Protein backbone atom coordinates (compact mmCIF):
# COMPACT_ATOMS: atom_id res chain seq x y z
CA UNK A 1 76.89 77.07 109.87
CA UNK A 2 73.88 77.28 111.23
CA UNK A 3 75.05 79.27 114.19
CA UNK A 4 76.83 81.46 111.86
CA UNK A 5 74.10 82.36 110.13
CA UNK A 6 71.82 83.00 113.47
CA UNK A 7 74.71 85.13 114.69
CA UNK A 8 74.91 87.06 111.66
CA UNK A 9 71.13 87.51 111.52
CA UNK A 10 70.99 88.64 115.39
CA UNK A 11 74.18 91.04 114.52
CA UNK A 12 71.92 92.72 111.60
CA UNK A 13 69.19 92.84 113.77
CA UNK A 14 71.06 94.54 116.52
CA UNK A 15 72.83 96.99 113.64
CA UNK A 16 69.04 98.15 112.61
CA UNK A 17 67.77 98.62 116.01
CA UNK A 18 70.88 100.82 116.71
CA UNK A 19 70.49 102.81 113.36
CA UNK A 20 66.87 103.73 114.61
CA UNK A 21 67.98 104.68 118.26
CA UNK A 22 69.63 107.52 119.38
CA UNK A 23 70.74 108.45 122.34
CA UNK A 24 71.78 112.47 123.59
CA UNK A 25 73.82 114.48 126.56
CA UNK A 26 72.51 117.72 127.03
CA UNK A 27 73.10 120.23 129.74
CA UNK A 28 72.76 123.88 131.20
CA UNK A 29 75.58 125.74 133.18
CA UNK A 30 74.40 128.81 134.61
CA UNK A 31 76.02 131.16 137.25
CA UNK A 32 75.11 134.45 138.53
CA UNK A 33 77.42 136.81 141.20
CA UNK A 34 74.31 138.70 143.19
CA UNK A 35 74.01 141.26 145.52
CA UNK A 36 71.02 141.26 148.22
CA UNK A 37 70.47 144.21 150.45
CA UNK A 38 71.79 143.81 153.68
CA UNK A 39 73.83 140.91 152.64
CA UNK A 40 77.14 139.79 151.43
CA UNK A 41 77.62 139.29 147.60
CA UNK A 42 76.96 135.75 146.59
CA UNK A 43 77.53 133.33 143.90
CA UNK A 44 74.49 131.33 143.08
CA UNK A 45 74.33 128.16 140.35
CA UNK A 46 71.17 128.47 137.94
CA UNK A 47 70.64 132.57 138.17
CA UNK A 48 67.98 132.02 135.28
CA UNK A 49 68.26 128.41 134.11
CA UNK A 50 69.22 125.46 136.91
CA UNK A 51 72.22 124.32 136.25
CA UNK A 52 72.03 120.55 134.85
CA UNK A 53 72.86 117.68 132.85
CA UNK A 54 71.06 115.23 131.12
CA UNK A 55 70.75 112.06 128.46
CA UNK A 56 67.63 111.47 126.72
CA UNK A 57 67.18 109.02 123.89
CA UNK A 58 64.31 107.59 121.73
CA UNK A 59 63.99 104.47 119.77
CA UNK A 60 61.64 103.94 116.68
CA UNK A 61 59.44 100.84 117.42
CA UNK A 62 57.88 101.07 113.92
CA UNK A 63 54.37 102.21 112.71
CA UNK A 64 54.81 105.88 114.23
CA UNK A 65 55.41 104.26 117.66
CA UNK A 66 58.55 105.57 119.71
CA UNK A 67 60.00 104.56 122.95
CA UNK A 68 61.65 107.13 124.83
CA UNK A 69 63.36 107.83 128.19
CA UNK A 70 64.86 111.20 130.21
CA UNK A 71 66.95 111.27 133.00
CA UNK A 72 67.96 114.84 134.48
CA UNK A 73 70.09 115.76 137.41
CA UNK A 74 70.56 119.25 138.99
CA UNK A 75 74.12 120.75 139.56
CA UNK A 76 75.64 123.27 141.80
CA UNK A 77 78.27 125.06 140.19
CA UNK A 78 79.35 127.08 142.69
CA UNK A 79 80.96 123.73 144.46
CA UNK A 80 80.84 121.08 141.50
CA UNK A 81 78.36 118.86 144.07
CA UNK A 82 74.65 117.50 142.63
CA UNK A 83 71.39 118.78 143.81
CA UNK A 84 69.26 116.43 145.60
CA UNK A 85 69.40 112.60 145.41
CA UNK A 86 69.81 110.59 142.02
CA UNK A 87 68.03 112.10 138.96
CA UNK A 88 66.26 114.94 141.09
CA UNK A 89 64.55 116.84 138.15
CA UNK A 90 63.30 114.08 136.05
CA UNK A 91 63.66 110.15 135.26
CA UNK A 92 61.03 108.65 133.02
CA UNK A 93 60.19 106.33 130.35
CA UNK A 94 57.47 106.61 128.05
CA UNK A 95 55.75 105.69 124.68
CA UNK A 96 55.11 108.54 121.92
CA UNK A 97 52.97 108.34 118.67
CA UNK A 98 50.02 109.52 116.74
CA UNK A 99 48.24 109.57 120.24
CA UNK A 100 50.42 112.16 121.78
CA UNK A 101 53.30 110.97 124.88
CA UNK A 102 53.16 109.07 127.74
CA UNK A 103 55.86 109.75 130.63
CA UNK A 104 55.92 107.22 133.43
CA UNK A 105 58.23 108.06 136.55
CA UNK A 106 59.80 111.21 138.04
CA UNK A 107 58.27 113.83 135.61
CA UNK A 108 57.08 117.32 135.81
CA UNK A 109 53.35 117.75 136.58
CA UNK A 110 51.19 119.25 133.78
CA UNK A 111 50.91 122.63 135.76
CA UNK A 112 54.70 122.66 136.11
CA UNK A 113 54.70 122.41 132.29
CA UNK A 114 52.29 125.49 131.46
CA UNK A 115 52.45 127.72 134.49
CA UNK A 116 55.62 129.88 133.51
CA UNK A 117 54.98 130.04 129.71
CA UNK A 118 54.77 133.76 129.73
CA UNK A 119 57.16 134.97 132.70
CA UNK A 120 58.93 138.26 132.37
CA UNK A 121 62.79 138.71 133.01
CA UNK A 122 63.18 135.15 131.17
CA UNK A 123 61.73 132.88 134.09
CA UNK A 124 64.65 133.63 136.07
CA UNK A 125 65.41 131.47 139.24
CA UNK A 126 66.73 134.92 140.95
CA UNK A 127 65.30 137.94 139.23
CA UNK A 128 61.68 137.11 137.87
CA UNK A 129 58.94 138.66 139.67
CA UNK A 130 56.25 136.17 139.76
CA UNK A 131 58.44 133.76 141.75
CA UNK A 132 56.55 135.17 144.74
CA UNK A 133 52.90 133.68 143.48
CA UNK A 134 51.47 131.36 145.65
CA UNK A 135 49.18 130.02 142.72
CA UNK A 136 52.29 128.27 141.01
CA UNK A 137 51.67 125.26 143.61
CA UNK A 138 55.01 123.47 145.00
CA UNK A 139 56.36 123.00 141.53
CA UNK A 140 58.16 120.33 141.96
CA UNK A 141 58.37 117.01 140.12
CA UNK A 142 55.43 114.26 141.60
CA UNK A 143 57.29 110.55 142.15
CA UNK A 144 55.53 107.64 140.23
CA UNK A 145 53.67 110.05 138.08
CA UNK A 146 51.71 109.40 135.08
CA UNK A 147 51.89 112.42 132.32
CA UNK A 148 49.90 112.37 129.09
CA UNK A 149 51.02 114.91 126.58
CA UNK A 150 48.43 115.21 123.59
CA UNK A 151 49.49 115.94 120.17
CA UNK A 152 48.84 119.23 118.79
CA UNK A 153 45.46 120.27 117.38
CA UNK A 154 45.75 123.59 115.60
CA UNK A 155 47.84 125.09 118.16
CA UNK A 156 46.20 123.75 121.01
CA UNK A 157 47.90 120.92 123.35
CA UNK A 158 46.67 119.30 126.33
CA UNK A 159 48.37 117.64 129.29
CA UNK A 160 47.57 115.48 132.17
CA UNK A 161 49.09 114.07 135.06
CA UNK A 162 48.62 111.76 138.11
CA UNK A 163 50.76 110.48 140.98
CA UNK A 164 49.97 107.05 142.21
CA UNK A 165 48.65 107.52 145.62
CA UNK A 166 51.32 105.38 147.45
CA UNK A 167 53.65 108.01 146.85
CA UNK A 168 52.59 112.03 146.42
CA UNK A 169 49.13 111.82 145.14
CA UNK A 170 48.78 115.10 143.22
CA UNK A 171 46.49 115.43 140.30
CA UNK A 172 47.16 118.05 137.54
CA UNK A 173 45.74 119.14 134.27
CA UNK A 174 47.20 121.74 131.66
CA UNK A 175 46.50 123.53 128.23
CA UNK A 176 48.39 125.49 125.47
CA UNK A 177 47.23 127.58 122.64
CA UNK A 178 49.82 128.96 120.39
CA UNK A 179 49.10 130.49 117.15
CA UNK A 180 50.97 133.28 115.55
CA UNK A 181 51.61 136.36 117.59
CA UNK A 182 49.01 134.94 120.32
CA UNK A 183 49.95 132.22 123.14
CA UNK A 184 47.63 130.98 126.21
CA UNK A 185 48.04 128.32 128.81
CA UNK A 186 46.03 127.03 131.39
CA UNK A 187 46.87 125.16 134.70
CA UNK A 188 45.19 123.38 137.26
CA UNK A 189 46.98 121.41 140.30
CA UNK A 190 45.43 119.42 143.56
CA UNK A 191 48.17 118.64 145.85
CA UNK A 192 46.03 119.34 148.87
CA UNK A 193 46.27 115.68 150.39
CA UNK A 194 49.82 116.22 150.61
CA UNK A 195 49.62 119.70 152.52
CA UNK A 196 49.50 121.65 149.66
CA UNK A 197 46.32 123.22 148.14
CA UNK A 198 44.49 123.72 144.80
CA UNK A 199 45.92 125.84 142.29
CA UNK A 200 44.57 127.56 139.18
CA UNK A 201 46.93 129.60 136.59
CA UNK A 202 46.27 131.33 133.23
CA UNK A 203 49.01 132.94 131.63
CA UNK A 204 49.57 134.60 128.03
CA UNK A 205 51.24 136.72 125.85
CA UNK A 206 50.83 138.60 122.46
CA UNK A 207 53.92 139.45 120.35
CA UNK A 208 53.58 142.88 118.71
CA UNK A 209 57.24 142.28 116.77
CA UNK A 210 58.53 145.33 118.48
CA UNK A 211 57.55 143.62 121.94
CA UNK A 212 55.90 140.90 123.50
CA UNK A 213 52.95 141.87 126.17
CA UNK A 214 52.78 139.16 129.08
CA UNK A 215 50.07 138.63 131.33
CA UNK A 216 48.86 136.33 133.99
CA UNK A 217 46.38 135.15 137.07
CA UNK A 218 46.09 132.84 139.27
CA UNK A 219 44.36 131.71 143.08
CA UNK A 220 44.70 129.07 145.44
CA UNK A 221 41.45 127.79 146.41
CA UNK A 222 41.97 127.12 150.42
CA UNK A 223 44.21 129.99 151.19
CA UNK A 224 42.21 131.97 149.08
CA UNK A 225 45.12 133.98 147.82
CA UNK A 226 44.73 135.92 144.50
CA UNK A 227 47.73 136.53 142.11
CA UNK A 228 48.31 138.62 138.77
CA UNK A 229 51.01 139.75 136.90
CA UNK A 230 52.22 142.15 133.92
CA UNK A 231 55.28 141.94 131.69
CA UNK A 232 56.99 142.85 128.66
CA UNK A 233 59.94 141.63 126.47
CA UNK A 234 61.66 144.29 124.13
CA UNK A 235 64.09 143.00 121.49
CA UNK A 236 66.46 146.60 121.50
CA UNK A 237 69.02 145.03 119.20
CA UNK A 238 69.23 141.60 116.84
CA UNK A 239 71.14 139.84 120.16
CA UNK A 240 69.43 142.15 123.06
CA UNK A 241 66.68 141.52 124.97
CA UNK A 242 65.22 143.57 128.02
CA UNK A 243 62.38 141.99 129.84
CA UNK A 244 60.46 143.57 132.84
CA UNK A 245 57.50 142.60 134.79
CA UNK A 246 55.13 143.35 137.99
CA UNK A 247 53.79 140.65 140.24
CA UNK A 248 51.06 140.99 143.03
CA UNK A 249 49.78 137.90 145.49
CA UNK A 250 47.04 139.09 147.33
CA UNK A 251 45.91 136.86 150.52
CA UNK A 252 42.41 136.52 151.89
CA UNK A 253 43.88 138.39 154.95
CA UNK A 254 47.11 140.72 155.56
CA UNK A 255 49.17 142.88 152.87
CA UNK A 256 49.52 141.79 149.33
CA UNK A 257 53.25 140.52 148.16
CA UNK A 258 54.62 142.88 145.61
CA UNK A 259 57.53 142.23 143.40
CA UNK A 260 59.22 144.19 140.10
CA UNK A 261 61.90 142.71 138.24
CA UNK A 262 63.73 143.91 134.93
CA UNK A 263 66.47 141.96 133.12
CA UNK A 264 68.59 142.32 129.86
CA UNK A 265 69.95 139.66 128.12
CA UNK A 266 72.82 139.69 125.30
CA UNK A 267 73.27 136.59 123.25
CA UNK A 268 77.14 135.93 122.89
CA UNK A 269 76.21 133.05 120.54
CA UNK A 270 73.41 130.51 119.83
CA UNK A 271 74.45 128.84 123.34
CA UNK A 272 75.81 131.40 125.59
CA UNK A 273 74.11 134.07 127.07
CA UNK A 274 75.43 137.06 129.19
CA UNK A 275 72.70 138.67 131.56
CA UNK A 276 72.01 141.51 134.10
CA UNK A 277 69.14 141.80 136.41
CA UNK A 278 67.07 143.65 139.38
CA UNK A 279 64.56 142.77 141.31
CA UNK A 280 62.81 144.41 144.41
CA UNK A 281 60.07 142.94 146.57
CA UNK A 282 58.03 144.87 149.41
CA UNK A 283 57.84 143.88 153.08
CA UNK A 284 54.81 141.48 152.77
CA UNK A 285 56.87 139.68 150.21
CA UNK A 286 59.77 139.18 152.14
CA UNK A 287 58.39 138.91 155.94
CA UNK A 288 55.24 136.81 155.24
CA UNK A 289 55.22 133.34 156.92
CA UNK A 290 53.02 130.35 156.31
CA UNK A 291 50.69 129.93 159.23
CA UNK A 292 52.27 127.81 162.19
CA UNK A 293 55.68 127.81 160.63
CA UNK A 294 58.85 129.76 160.43
CA UNK A 295 59.04 129.28 156.46
CA UNK A 296 58.43 132.48 154.34
CA UNK A 297 55.46 132.19 152.18
CA UNK A 298 56.40 134.01 149.03
CA UNK A 299 60.10 133.89 149.45
CA UNK A 300 60.83 137.49 148.69
CA UNK A 301 63.84 139.04 148.39
CA UNK A 302 64.23 142.98 149.85
CA UNK A 303 66.35 144.13 146.58
CA UNK A 304 68.69 142.08 144.41
CA UNK A 305 71.19 142.87 141.50
CA UNK A 306 72.92 140.30 139.85
CA UNK A 307 75.05 139.48 136.45
CA UNK A 308 75.47 136.07 135.24
CA UNK A 309 76.31 133.70 132.32
CA UNK A 310 74.42 131.05 130.91
CA UNK A 311 75.75 128.22 128.26
CA UNK A 312 73.52 125.62 126.56
CA UNK A 313 75.23 121.88 124.95
């Protein structure tokens, strides 16, 4: 009898815990067909947003405290394969409450959380002209990372991240402010210990209703690059938005890298968007090498036109 009562108590406790927990499967499927000058037409996975699949969950621990996790893997829709090894985008466990949120594991840095907040061309992987900016840093997910996200105070929110020295040793700070039509973001990252630099970036937007103005500035300390961009989002219909931008990255010596991009998005539904875009970079953005290497510094494209479709679930 006692064993039966104990079993029922355990089952009841388990049911209560399950009732307070949730796990969500989500993802993005995005594919684009694009033509670059002098190159054959190509299909690329992740034209606007990186294609991915993920799992995220939360458990209510009581007293306003929650346990959270997230596992996210990049996908290549052109061959059905996975990008990277394991959950290459995010894999972390954390706690959240009135104090904010702490994430531990393979997380994005504070800079990554704020750097692209005002990017034109929908922050597209293949069309966004700000892809040439040197002040964005490596834009990768540090391993063995600890990320703290503060609560929002009157529109202000802060970010701090640090990866343990035994792995990548990256320190990063971020802050955002959003209130009404105004949004501003600041980011700083130091990954100079692993061959990077010290990056500072500021961006913001102002929504006039008929159009949203976008702008940003950034710099690298050691390489002494200075960046800026301007852009605009224009809703031309209830389900159509046109976005354009111009970006410049000026090094301490040599020619400035420049890029122009324009894209249009047509919302087929709340989850599915068709898009088309054009991007053109100057010779410095296309041909400048990182000193002492054969790697392209800005990753520019001579000229590119593309059309794609994105679905979220």
